[in-house]
Structure formats: structure tokens, C-alpha cells
Amino acid sequence: MADRTPLTPDERAALSARFPDWTVDGEVLRRTWEFVDFAEAWAFMGRVAEVAEELQHHPDWSNSWNRVDLTVTTHSAGQGAGGLTRLDVAFAEAVDALG
């Protein structure tokens, strides 16, 4: 089962060091990738979709030619309020492992 436990203040503070390519923006993690062309960007999105399905955690994202912008947060964190959770951390780790 996905761990939707909200991050502690210490876990939140460690995000920038743990994920230097991601930006903490309020209650979301953001990252942008640039590829050689559209085909590479699209292939990457397919691999991210597999991660999302495996974790049952789906990002907000956009694609423009060779660029992919991704935002992740847990909309059902805590008592119904959105926020960053351990599931978001697991998602970022899995996407980073794609290379």
C-alpha cells in the first residue's frame, strides 16, 4: 500500500539535498527534463507512466517538443488536505532511477 504519510518538517527540509534536480514549491515537487527531440521526451513520458501506474500515483505534467515538466503532490494527504508525502518521495526516487 502506498504510504501517504505527510512528510515531517525534517523530511521536508531534507528534500532539496535528497533531490537536487527537483524544486520544492509549496506543497509540490517540480522537475523539468529536456531531451534531444520529441520522440525521446515522449518515450520518457511512457516510462514515467509505468511508474505512476505501479505506484498508483499520477503526476501533473506537460510536454512541449523536447521538454517535459512534471509536478507531483498527494491530493489526499492527511485529513483531506493536499501536501507532500512519503508517496511523493517514492515517486521522485522511482522517476530519478529512470535515468
PDB file of N, CA and C in Angstrom:
ATOM      1  N   MET A   1       0.846  -1.189   0.000  1.00  0.00           N
ATOM      2  CA  MET A   1       0.000   0.000   0.000  1.00  0.00           C
ATOM      3  C   MET A   1       0.887   1.246   0.000  1.00  0.00           C
ATOM      4  N   ALA A   2       0.457   2.236  -0.710  1.00  0.00           N
ATOM      5  CA  ALA A   2       1.205   3.486  -0.805  1.00  0.00           C
ATOM      6  C   ALA A   2       1.199   4.212   0.532  1.00  0.00           C
ATOM      7  N   ASP A   3       2.347   4.725   0.907  1.00  0.00           N
ATOM      8  CA  ASP A   3       2.479   5.446   2.172  1.00  0.00           C
ATOM      9  C   ASP A   3       2.179   6.919   1.949  1.00  0.00           C
ATOM     10  N   ARG A   4       0.978   7.328   2.312  1.00  0.00           N
ATOM     11  CA  ARG A   4       0.549   8.712   2.148  1.00  0.00           C
ATOM     12  C   ARG A   4       0.758   9.534   3.430  1.00  0.00           C
ATOM     13  N   THR A   5       1.711   9.100   4.248  1.00  0.00           N
ATOM     14  CA  THR A   5       2.035   9.823   5.464  1.00  0.00           C
ATOM     15  C   THR A   5       2.660  11.168   5.105  1.00  0.00           C
ATOM     16  N   PRO A   6       2.106  12.264   5.619  1.00  0.00           N
ATOM     17  CA  PRO A   6       2.716  13.573   5.330  1.00  0.00           C
ATOM     18  C   PRO A   6       4.160  13.615   5.820  1.00  0.00           C
ATOM     19  N   LEU A   7       4.980  14.344   5.092  1.00  0.00           N
ATOM     20  CA  LEU A   7       6.375  14.490   5.494  1.00  0.00           C
ATOM     21  C   LEU A   7       6.483  15.317   6.762  1.00  0.00           C
ATOM     22  N   THR A   8       7.435  14.943   7.588  1.00  0.00           N
ATOM     23  CA  THR A   8       7.720  15.718   8.788  1.00  0.00           C
ATOM     24  C   THR A   8       8.482  16.975   8.378  1.00  0.00           C
ATOM     25  N   PRO A   9       8.573  17.967   9.251  1.00  0.00           N
ATOM     26  CA  PRO A   9       9.381  19.147   8.923  1.00  0.00           C
ATOM     27  C   PRO A   9      10.824  18.792   8.564  1.00  0.00           C
ATOM     28  N   ASP A  10      11.423  17.826   9.264  1.00  0.00           N
ATOM     29  CA  ASP A  10      12.797  17.417   8.954  1.00  0.00           C
ATOM     30  C   ASP A  10      12.888  16.751   7.582  1.00  0.00           C
ATOM     31  N   GLU A  11      11.908  15.916   7.249  1.00  0.00           N
ATOM     32  CA  GLU A  11      11.899  15.269   5.934  1.00  0.00           C
ATOM     33  C   GLU A  11      11.740  16.308   4.823  1.00  0.00           C
ATOM     34  N   ARG A  12      10.880  17.286   5.045  1.00  0.00           N
ATOM     35  CA  ARG A  12      10.700  18.363   4.061  1.00  0.00           C
ATOM     36  C   ARG A  12      11.996  19.157   3.892  1.00  0.00           C
ATOM     37  N   ALA A  13      12.664  19.448   4.999  1.00  0.00           N
ATOM     38  CA  ALA A  13      13.900  20.228   4.946  1.00  0.00           C
ATOM     39  C   ALA A  13      14.995  19.488   4.183  1.00  0.00           C
ATOM     40  N   ALA A  14      14.956  18.166   4.192  1.00  0.00           N
ATOM     41  CA  ALA A  14      15.984  17.363   3.522  1.00  0.00           C
ATOM     42  C   ALA A  14      15.711  17.148   2.035  1.00  0.00           C
ATOM     43  N   LEU A  15      14.546  17.552   1.541  1.00  0.00           N
ATOM     44  CA  LEU A  15      14.187  17.275   0.150  1.00  0.00           C
ATOM     45  C   LEU A  15      15.155  17.887  -0.858  1.00  0.00           C
ATOM     46  N   SER A  16      15.565  19.115  -0.641  1.00  0.00           N
ATOM     47  CA  SER A  16      16.449  19.779  -1.605  1.00  0.00           C
ATOM     48  C   SER A  16      17.783  19.064  -1.747  1.00  0.00           C
ATOM     49  N   ALA A  17      18.307  18.573  -0.653  1.00  0.00           N
ATOM     50  CA  ALA A  17      19.570  17.836  -0.711  1.00  0.00           C
ATOM     51  C   ALA A  17      19.362  16.438  -1.294  1.00  0.00           C
ATOM     52  N   ARG A  18      18.254  15.834  -0.962  1.00  0.00           N
ATOM     53  CA  ARG A  18      17.969  14.477  -1.429  1.00  0.00           C
ATOM     54  C   ARG A  18      17.638  14.441  -2.924  1.00  0.00           C
ATOM     55  N   PHE A  19      16.964  15.494  -3.398  1.00  0.00           N
ATOM     56  CA  PHE A  19      16.539  15.576  -4.796  1.00  0.00           C
ATOM     57  C   PHE A  19      16.992  16.908  -5.392  1.00  0.00           C
ATOM     58  N   PRO A  20      18.279  17.055  -5.668  1.00  0.00           N
ATOM     59  CA  PRO A  20      18.786  18.356  -6.120  1.00  0.00           C
ATOM     60  C   PRO A  20      18.220  18.831  -7.453  1.00  0.00           C
ATOM     61  N   ASP A  21      17.707  17.926  -8.265  1.00  0.00           N
ATOM     62  CA  ASP A  21      17.148  18.318  -9.562  1.00  0.00           C
ATOM     63  C   ASP A  21      15.673  18.697  -9.483  1.00  0.00           C
ATOM     64  N   TRP A  22      15.078  18.493  -8.334  1.00  0.00           N
ATOM     65  CA  TRP A  22      13.670  18.824  -8.115  1.00  0.00           C
ATOM     66  C   TRP A  22      13.590  20.125  -7.323  1.00  0.00           C
ATOM     67  N   THR A  23      12.499  20.836  -7.489  1.00  0.00           N
ATOM     68  CA  THR A  23      12.244  22.059  -6.741  1.00  0.00           C
ATOM     69  C   THR A  23      11.052  21.835  -5.826  1.00  0.00           C
ATOM     70  N   VAL A  24      11.208  22.191  -4.564  1.00  0.00           N
ATOM     71  CA  VAL A  24      10.071  22.167  -3.639  1.00  0.00           C
ATOM     72  C   VAL A  24       9.374  23.507  -3.795  1.00  0.00           C
ATOM     73  N   ASP A  25       8.120  23.463  -4.197  1.00  0.00           N
ATOM     74  CA  ASP A  25       7.330  24.661  -4.455  1.00  0.00           C
ATOM     75  C   ASP A  25       6.049  24.560  -3.650  1.00  0.00           C
ATOM     76  N   GLY A  26       6.105  25.025  -2.419  1.00  0.00           N
ATOM     77  CA  GLY A  26       4.940  24.899  -1.540  1.00  0.00           C
ATOM     78  C   GLY A  26       4.685  23.449  -1.206  1.00  0.00           C
ATOM     79  N   GLU A  27       3.569  22.921  -1.690  1.00  0.00           N
ATOM     80  CA  GLU A  27       3.185  21.539  -1.398  1.00  0.00           C
ATOM     81  C   GLU A  27       3.389  20.608  -2.586  1.00  0.00           C
ATOM     82  N   VAL A  28       4.277  20.995  -3.513  1.00  0.00           N
ATOM     83  CA  VAL A  28       4.549  20.140  -4.671  1.00  0.00           C
ATOM     84  C   VAL A  28       6.047  20.034  -4.918  1.00  0.00           C
ATOM     85  N   LEU A  29       6.416  18.950  -5.599  1.00  0.00           N
ATOM     86  CA  LEU A  29       7.761  18.785  -6.133  1.00  0.00           C
ATOM     87  C   LEU A  29       7.662  19.000  -7.635  1.00  0.00           C
ATOM     88  N   ARG A  30       8.599  19.766  -8.206  1.00  0.00           N
ATOM     89  CA  ARG A  30       8.614  20.050  -9.647  1.00  0.00           C
ATOM     90  C   ARG A  30       9.978  19.694 -10.233  1.00  0.00           C
ATOM     91  N   ARG A  31       9.919  19.236 -11.475  1.00  0.00           N
ATOM     92  CA  ARG A  31      11.167  18.987 -12.201  1.00  0.00           C
ATOM     93  C   ARG A  31      10.905  19.118 -13.693  1.00  0.00           C
ATOM     94  N   THR A  32      11.915  19.581 -14.407  1.00  0.00           N
ATOM     95  CA  THR A  32      11.855  19.708 -15.858  1.00  0.00           C
ATOM     96  C   THR A  32      12.997  18.910 -16.465  1.00  0.00           C
ATOM     97  N   TRP A  33      12.690  18.200 -17.541  1.00  0.00           N
ATOM     98  CA  TRP A  33      13.694  17.470 -18.310  1.00  0.00           C
ATOM     99  C   TRP A  33      13.698  18.024 -19.728  1.00  0.00           C
ATOM    100  N   GLU A  34      14.881  18.059 -20.341  1.00  0.00           N
ATOM    101  CA  GLU A  34      14.995  18.401 -21.753  1.00  0.00           C
ATOM    102  C   GLU A  34      15.714  17.264 -22.461  1.00  0.00           C
ATOM    103  N   PHE A  35      15.170  16.889 -23.615  1.00  0.00           N
ATOM    104  CA  PHE A  35      15.681  15.775 -24.388  1.00  0.00           C
ATOM    105  C   PHE A  35      16.126  16.259 -25.757  1.00  0.00           C
ATOM    106  N   VAL A  36      16.712  15.375 -26.530  1.00  0.00           N
ATOM    107  CA  VAL A  36      17.195  15.722 -27.860  1.00  0.00           C
ATOM    108  C   VAL A  36      16.036  16.123 -28.770  1.00  0.00           C
ATOM    109  N   ASP A  37      14.909  15.403 -28.647  1.00  0.00           N
ATOM    110  CA  ASP A  37      13.776  15.674 -29.530  1.00  0.00           C
ATOM    111  C   ASP A  37      12.478  15.187 -28.891  1.00  0.00           C
ATOM    112  N   PHE A  38      11.412  15.362 -29.631  1.00  0.00           N
ATOM    113  CA  PHE A  38      10.093  14.972 -29.152  1.00  0.00           C
ATOM    114  C   PHE A  38       9.995  13.478 -28.876  1.00  0.00           C
ATOM    115  N   ALA A  39      10.572  12.664 -29.740  1.00  0.00           N
ATOM    116  CA  ALA A  39      10.489  11.210 -29.566  1.00  0.00           C
ATOM    117  C   ALA A  39      11.109  10.762 -28.246  1.00  0.00           C
ATOM    118  N   GLU A  40      12.243  11.332 -27.890  1.00  0.00           N
ATOM    119  CA  GLU A  40      12.869  10.981 -26.608  1.00  0.00           C
ATOM    120  C   GLU A  40      12.017  11.446 -25.434  1.00  0.00           C
ATOM    121  N   ALA A  41      11.469  12.640 -25.535  1.00  0.00           N
ATOM    122  CA  ALA A  41      10.609  13.156 -24.470  1.00  0.00           C
ATOM    123  C   ALA A  41       9.387  12.261 -24.306  1.00  0.00           C
ATOM    124  N   TRP A  42       8.789  11.865 -25.410  1.00  0.00           N
ATOM    125  CA  TRP A  42       7.590  11.022 -25.370  1.00  0.00           C
ATOM    126  C   TRP A  42       7.912   9.644 -24.781  1.00  0.00           C
ATOM    127  N   ALA A  43       9.051   9.078 -25.153  1.00  0.00           N
ATOM    128  CA  ALA A  43       9.461   7.786 -24.612  1.00  0.00           C
ATOM    129  C   ALA A  43       9.649   7.875 -23.097  1.00  0.00           C
ATOM    130  N   PHE A  44      10.254   8.963 -22.643  1.00  0.00           N
ATOM    131  CA  PHE A  44      10.427   9.179 -21.206  1.00  0.00           C
ATOM    132  C   PHE A  44       9.067   9.241 -20.514  1.00  0.00           C
ATOM    133  N   MET A  45       8.121   9.945 -21.113  1.00  0.00           N
ATOM    134  CA  MET A  45       6.787  10.043 -20.520  1.00  0.00           C
ATOM    135  C   MET A  45       6.134   8.663 -20.406  1.00  0.00           C
ATOM    136  N   GLY A  46       6.397   7.802 -21.370  1.00  0.00           N
ATOM    137  CA  GLY A  46       5.868   6.442 -21.287  1.00  0.00           C
ATOM    138  C   GLY A  46       6.439   5.681 -20.106  1.00  0.00           C
ATOM    139  N   ARG A  47       7.736   5.870 -19.852  1.00  0.00           N
ATOM    140  CA  ARG A  47       8.367   5.203 -18.696  1.00  0.00           C
ATOM    141  C   ARG A  47       7.829   5.775 -17.382  1.00  0.00           C
ATOM    142  N   VAL A  48       7.610   7.088 -17.339  1.00  0.00           N
ATOM    143  CA  VAL A  48       7.041   7.714 -16.136  1.00  0.00           C
ATOM    144  C   VAL A  48       5.619   7.202 -15.917  1.00  0.00           C
ATOM    145  N   ALA A  49       4.876   7.018 -16.986  1.00  0.00           N
ATOM    146  CA  ALA A  49       3.504   6.498 -16.861  1.00  0.00           C
ATOM    147  C   ALA A  49       3.507   5.113 -16.222  1.00  0.00           C
ATOM    148  N   GLU A  50       4.499   4.292 -16.552  1.00  0.00           N
ATOM    149  CA  GLU A  50       4.596   2.968 -15.928  1.00  0.00           C
ATOM    150  C   GLU A  50       4.851   3.082 -14.432  1.00  0.00           C
ATOM    151  N   VAL A  51       5.719   4.007 -14.037  1.00  0.00           N
ATOM    152  CA  VAL A  51       5.980   4.256 -12.609  1.00  0.00           C
ATOM    153  C   VAL A  51       4.687   4.711 -11.930  1.00  0.00           C
ATOM    154  N   ALA A  52       3.993   5.642 -12.562  1.00  0.00           N
ATOM    155  CA  ALA A  52       2.761   6.179 -11.991  1.00  0.00           C
ATOM    156  C   ALA A  52       1.723   5.076 -11.778  1.00  0.00           C
ATOM    157  N   GLU A  53       1.586   4.200 -12.749  1.00  0.00           N
ATOM    158  CA  GLU A  53       0.627   3.107 -12.616  1.00  0.00           C
ATOM    159  C   GLU A  53       1.048   2.130 -11.524  1.00  0.00           C
ATOM    160  N   GLU A  54       2.339   1.833 -11.469  1.00  0.00           N
ATOM    161  CA  GLU A  54       2.837   0.906 -10.444  1.00  0.00           C
ATOM    162  C   GLU A  54       2.566   1.445  -9.041  1.00  0.00           C
ATOM    163  N   LEU A  55       2.816   2.738  -8.851  1.00  0.00           N
ATOM    164  CA  LEU A  55       2.628   3.350  -7.532  1.00  0.00           C
ATOM    165  C   LEU A  55       1.188   3.832  -7.302  1.00  0.00           C
ATOM    166  N   GLN A  56       0.383   3.831  -8.366  1.00  0.00           N
ATOM    167  CA  GLN A  56      -0.956   4.412  -8.313  1.00  0.00           C
ATOM    168  C   GLN A  56      -0.889   5.841  -7.785  1.00  0.00           C
ATOM    169  N   HIS A  57       0.041   6.582  -8.382  1.00  0.00           N
ATOM    170  CA  HIS A  57       0.275   7.974  -8.009  1.00  0.00           C
ATOM    171  C   HIS A  57       0.626   8.711  -9.287  1.00  0.00           C
ATOM    172  N   HIS A  58      -0.242   9.612  -9.703  1.00  0.00           N
ATOM    173  CA  HIS A  58      -0.143  10.193 -11.039  1.00  0.00           C
ATOM    174  C   HIS A  58       0.206  11.676 -10.974  1.00  0.00           C
ATOM    175  N   PRO A  59       1.233  12.065 -11.722  1.00  0.00           N
ATOM    176  CA  PRO A  59       1.687  13.450 -11.691  1.00  0.00           C
ATOM    177  C   PRO A  59       0.827  14.347 -12.571  1.00  0.00           C
ATOM    178  N   ASP A  60       0.978  15.624 -12.370  1.00  0.00           N
ATOM    179  CA  ASP A  60       0.519  16.611 -13.346  1.00  0.00           C
ATOM    180  C   ASP A  60       1.737  16.877 -14.209  1.00  0.00           C
ATOM    181  N   TRP A  61       1.551  16.891 -15.529  1.00  0.00           N
ATOM    182  CA  TRP A  61       2.699  17.097 -16.391  1.00  0.00           C
ATOM    183  C   TRP A  61       2.308  17.728 -17.703  1.00  0.00           C
ATOM    184  N   SER A  62       3.326  18.230 -18.389  1.00  0.00           N
ATOM    185  CA  SER A  62       3.123  18.770 -19.722  1.00  0.00           C
ATOM    186  C   SER A  62       4.344  18.458 -20.562  1.00  0.00           C
ATOM    187  N   ASN A  63       4.125  18.489 -21.865  1.00  0.00           N
ATOM    188  CA  ASN A  63       5.195  18.212 -22.815  1.00  0.00           C
ATOM    189  C   ASN A  63       5.111  19.248 -23.920  1.00  0.00           C
ATOM    190  N   SER A  64       6.246  19.827 -24.237  1.00  0.00           N
ATOM    191  CA  SER A  64       6.353  20.724 -25.378  1.00  0.00           C
ATOM    192  C   SER A  64       7.634  20.356 -26.109  1.00  0.00           C
ATOM    193  N   TRP A  65       7.489  19.751 -27.254  1.00  0.00           N
ATOM    194  CA  TRP A  65       8.546  19.232 -28.103  1.00  0.00           C
ATOM    195  C   TRP A  65       9.536  18.377 -27.313  1.00  0.00           C
ATOM    196  N   ASN A  66      10.675  18.918 -26.894  1.00  0.00           N
ATOM    197  CA  ASN A  66      11.699  18.114 -26.223  1.00  0.00           C
ATOM    198  C   ASN A  66      11.704  18.301 -24.708  1.00  0.00           C
ATOM    199  N   ARG A  67      10.706  18.953 -24.192  1.00  0.00           N
ATOM    200  CA  ARG A  67      10.679  19.298 -22.772  1.00  0.00           C
ATOM    201  C   ARG A  67       9.507  18.610 -22.071  1.00  0.00           C
ATOM    202  N   VAL A  68       9.786  18.101 -20.870  1.00  0.00           N
ATOM    203  CA  VAL A  68       8.746  17.505 -20.026  1.00  0.00           C
ATOM    204  C   VAL A  68       8.804  18.203 -18.675  1.00  0.00           C
ATOM    205  N   ASP A  69       7.673  18.769 -18.261  1.00  0.00           N
ATOM    206  CA  ASP A  69       7.540  19.391 -16.947  1.00  0.00           C
ATOM    207  C   ASP A  69       6.650  18.498 -16.107  1.00  0.00           C
ATOM    208  N   LEU A  70       7.090  18.186 -14.905  1.00  0.00           N
ATOM    209  CA  LEU A  70       6.362  17.267 -14.044  1.00  0.00           C
ATOM    210  C   LEU A  70       6.182  17.889 -12.667  1.00  0.00           C
ATOM    211  N   THR A  71       4.976  17.738 -12.117  1.00  0.00           N
ATOM    212  CA  THR A  71       4.651  18.195 -10.769  1.00  0.00           C
ATOM    213  C   THR A  71       3.980  17.046 -10.036  1.00  0.00           C
ATOM    214  N   VAL A  72       4.399  16.814  -8.798  1.00  0.00           N
ATOM    215  CA  VAL A  72       3.795  15.739  -8.013  1.00  0.00           C
ATOM    216  C   VAL A  72       3.473  16.240  -6.611  1.00  0.00           C
ATOM    217  N   THR A  73       2.310  15.821  -6.130  1.00  0.00           N
ATOM    218  CA  THR A  73       1.858  16.077  -4.765  1.00  0.00           C
ATOM    219  C   THR A  73       0.809  15.023  -4.446  1.00  0.00           C
ATOM    220  N   THR A  74       0.492  14.862  -3.192  1.00  0.00           N
ATOM    221  CA  THR A  74      -0.549  13.918  -2.801  1.00  0.00           C
ATOM    222  C   THR A  74      -1.792  14.721  -2.470  1.00  0.00           C
ATOM    223  N   HIS A  75      -2.785  14.597  -3.328  1.00  0.00           N
ATOM    224  CA  HIS A  75      -4.001  15.393  -3.170  1.00  0.00           C
ATOM    225  C   HIS A  75      -4.816  14.974  -1.954  1.00  0.00           C
ATOM    226  N   SER A  76      -4.638  13.740  -1.505  1.00  0.00           N
ATOM    227  CA  SER A  76      -5.412  13.247  -0.365  1.00  0.00           C
ATOM    228  C   SER A  76      -4.566  13.063   0.884  1.00  0.00           C
ATOM    229  N   ALA A  77      -3.539  13.890   1.038  1.00  0.00           N
ATOM    230  CA  ALA A  77      -2.658  13.782   2.211  1.00  0.00           C
ATOM    231  C   ALA A  77      -3.387  14.207   3.479  1.00  0.00           C
ATOM    232  N   GLY A  78      -3.021  13.590   4.564  1.00  0.00           N
ATOM    233  CA  GLY A  78      -3.563  13.992   5.868  1.00  0.00           C
ATOM    234  C   GLY A  78      -5.074  13.864   5.940  1.00  0.00           C
ATOM    235  N   GLN A  79      -5.716  14.875   6.422  1.00  0.00           N
ATOM    236  CA  GLN A  79      -7.161  14.874   6.612  1.00  0.00           C
ATOM    237  C   GLN A  79      -7.874  15.504   5.422  1.00  0.00           C
ATOM    238  N   GLY A  80      -7.497  15.097   4.210  1.00  0.00           N
ATOM    239  CA  GLY A  80      -8.151  15.600   3.024  1.00  0.00           C
ATOM    240  C   GLY A  80      -7.435  16.769   2.370  1.00  0.00           C
ATOM    241  N   ALA A  81      -6.506  17.383   3.078  1.00  0.00           N
ATOM    242  CA  ALA A  81      -5.750  18.492   2.501  1.00  0.00           C
ATOM    243  C   ALA A  81      -4.571  17.928   1.722  1.00  0.00           C
ATOM    244  N   GLY A  82      -4.221  18.555   0.625  1.00  0.00           N
ATOM    245  CA  GLY A  82      -3.092  18.099  -0.167  1.00  0.00           C
ATOM    246  C   GLY A  82      -1.775  18.432   0.495  1.00  0.00           C
ATOM    247  N   GLY A  83      -0.731  17.758   0.067  1.00  0.00           N
ATOM    248  CA  GLY A  83       0.588  18.046   0.599  1.00  0.00           C
ATOM    249  C   GLY A  83       1.594  17.006   0.183  1.00  0.00           C
ATOM    250  N   LEU A  84       2.816  17.234   0.563  1.00  0.00           N
ATOM    251  CA  LEU A  84       3.897  16.308   0.248  1.00  0.00           C
ATOM    252  C   LEU A  84       3.912  15.153   1.240  1.00  0.00           C
ATOM    253  N   THR A  85       4.032  13.948   0.685  1.00  0.00           N
ATOM    254  CA  THR A  85       4.010  12.740   1.499  1.00  0.00           C
ATOM    255  C   THR A  85       5.165  11.828   1.117  1.00  0.00           C
ATOM    256  N   ARG A  86       5.267  10.743   1.841  1.00  0.00           N
ATOM    257  CA  ARG A  86       6.289   9.739   1.524  1.00  0.00           C
ATOM    258  C   ARG A  86       6.033   9.113   0.148  1.00  0.00           C
ATOM    259  N   LEU A  87       4.792   9.104  -0.290  1.00  0.00           N
ATOM    260  CA  LEU A  87       4.480   8.615  -1.631  1.00  0.00           C
ATOM    261  C   LEU A  87       5.108   9.508  -2.701  1.00  0.00           C
ATOM    262  N   ASP A  88       5.108  10.810  -2.493  1.00  0.00           N
ATOM    263  CA  ASP A  88       5.754  11.726  -3.434  1.00  0.00           C
ATOM    264  C   ASP A  88       7.254  11.476  -3.494  1.00  0.00           C
ATOM    265  N   VAL A  89       7.849  11.185  -2.347  1.00  0.00           N
ATOM    266  CA  VAL A  89       9.277  10.871  -2.281  1.00  0.00           C
ATOM    267  C   VAL A  89       9.549   9.584  -3.061  1.00  0.00           C
ATOM    268  N   ALA A  90       8.716   8.567  -2.873  1.00  0.00           N
ATOM    269  CA  ALA A  90       8.881   7.304  -3.587  1.00  0.00           C
ATOM    270  C   ALA A  90       8.743   7.520  -5.093  1.00  0.00           C
ATOM    271  N   PHE A  91       7.800   8.369  -5.482  1.00  0.00           N
ATOM    272  CA  PHE A  91       7.608   8.671  -6.901  1.00  0.00           C
ATOM    273  C   PHE A  91       8.840   9.364  -7.479  1.00  0.00           C
ATOM    274  N   ALA A  92       9.345  10.382  -6.790  1.00  0.00           N
ATOM    275  CA  ALA A  92      10.533  11.108  -7.276  1.00  0.00           C
ATOM    276  C   ALA A  92      11.739  10.171  -7.369  1.00  0.00           C
ATOM    277  N   GLU A  93      11.911   9.306  -6.391  1.00  0.00           N
ATOM    278  CA  GLU A  93      13.018   8.337  -6.433  1.00  0.00           C
ATOM    279  C   GLU A  93      12.897   7.419  -7.647  1.00  0.00           C
ATOM    280  N   ALA A  94      11.690   6.920  -7.882  1.00  0.00           N
ATOM    281  CA  ALA A  94      11.478   5.998  -8.999  1.00  0.00           C
ATOM    282  C   ALA A  94      11.694   6.677 -10.344  1.00  0.00           C
ATOM    283  N   VAL A  95      11.240   7.917 -10.476  1.00  0.00           N
ATOM    284  CA  VAL A  95      11.431   8.645 -11.730  1.00  0.00           C
ATOM    285  C   VAL A  95      12.911   8.976 -11.928  1.00  0.00           C
ATOM    286  N   ASP A  96      13.598   9.375 -10.871  1.00  0.00           N
ATOM    287  CA  ASP A  96      15.033   9.653 -10.986  1.00  0.00           C
ATOM    288  C   ASP A  96      15.809   8.402 -11.401  1.00  0.00           C
ATOM    289  N   ALA A  97      15.349   7.235 -10.965  1.00  0.00           N
ATOM    290  CA  ALA A  97      16.034   5.991 -11.305  1.00  0.00           C
ATOM    291  C   ALA A  97      15.890   5.621 -12.781  1.00  0.00           C
ATOM    292  N   LEU A  98      14.969   6.284 -13.485  1.00  0.00           N
ATOM    293  CA  LEU A  98      14.797   6.023 -14.909  1.00  0.00           C
ATOM    294  C   LEU A  98      15.989   6.497 -15.724  1.00  0.00           C
ATOM    295  N   GLY A  99      16.751   7.416 -15.121  1.00  0.00           N
ATOM    296  CA  GLY A  99      17.959   7.886 -15.799  1.00  0.00           C
ATOM    297  C   GLY A  99      17.795   9.149 -16.576  1.00  0.00           C
TER     298      GLY A  99
END
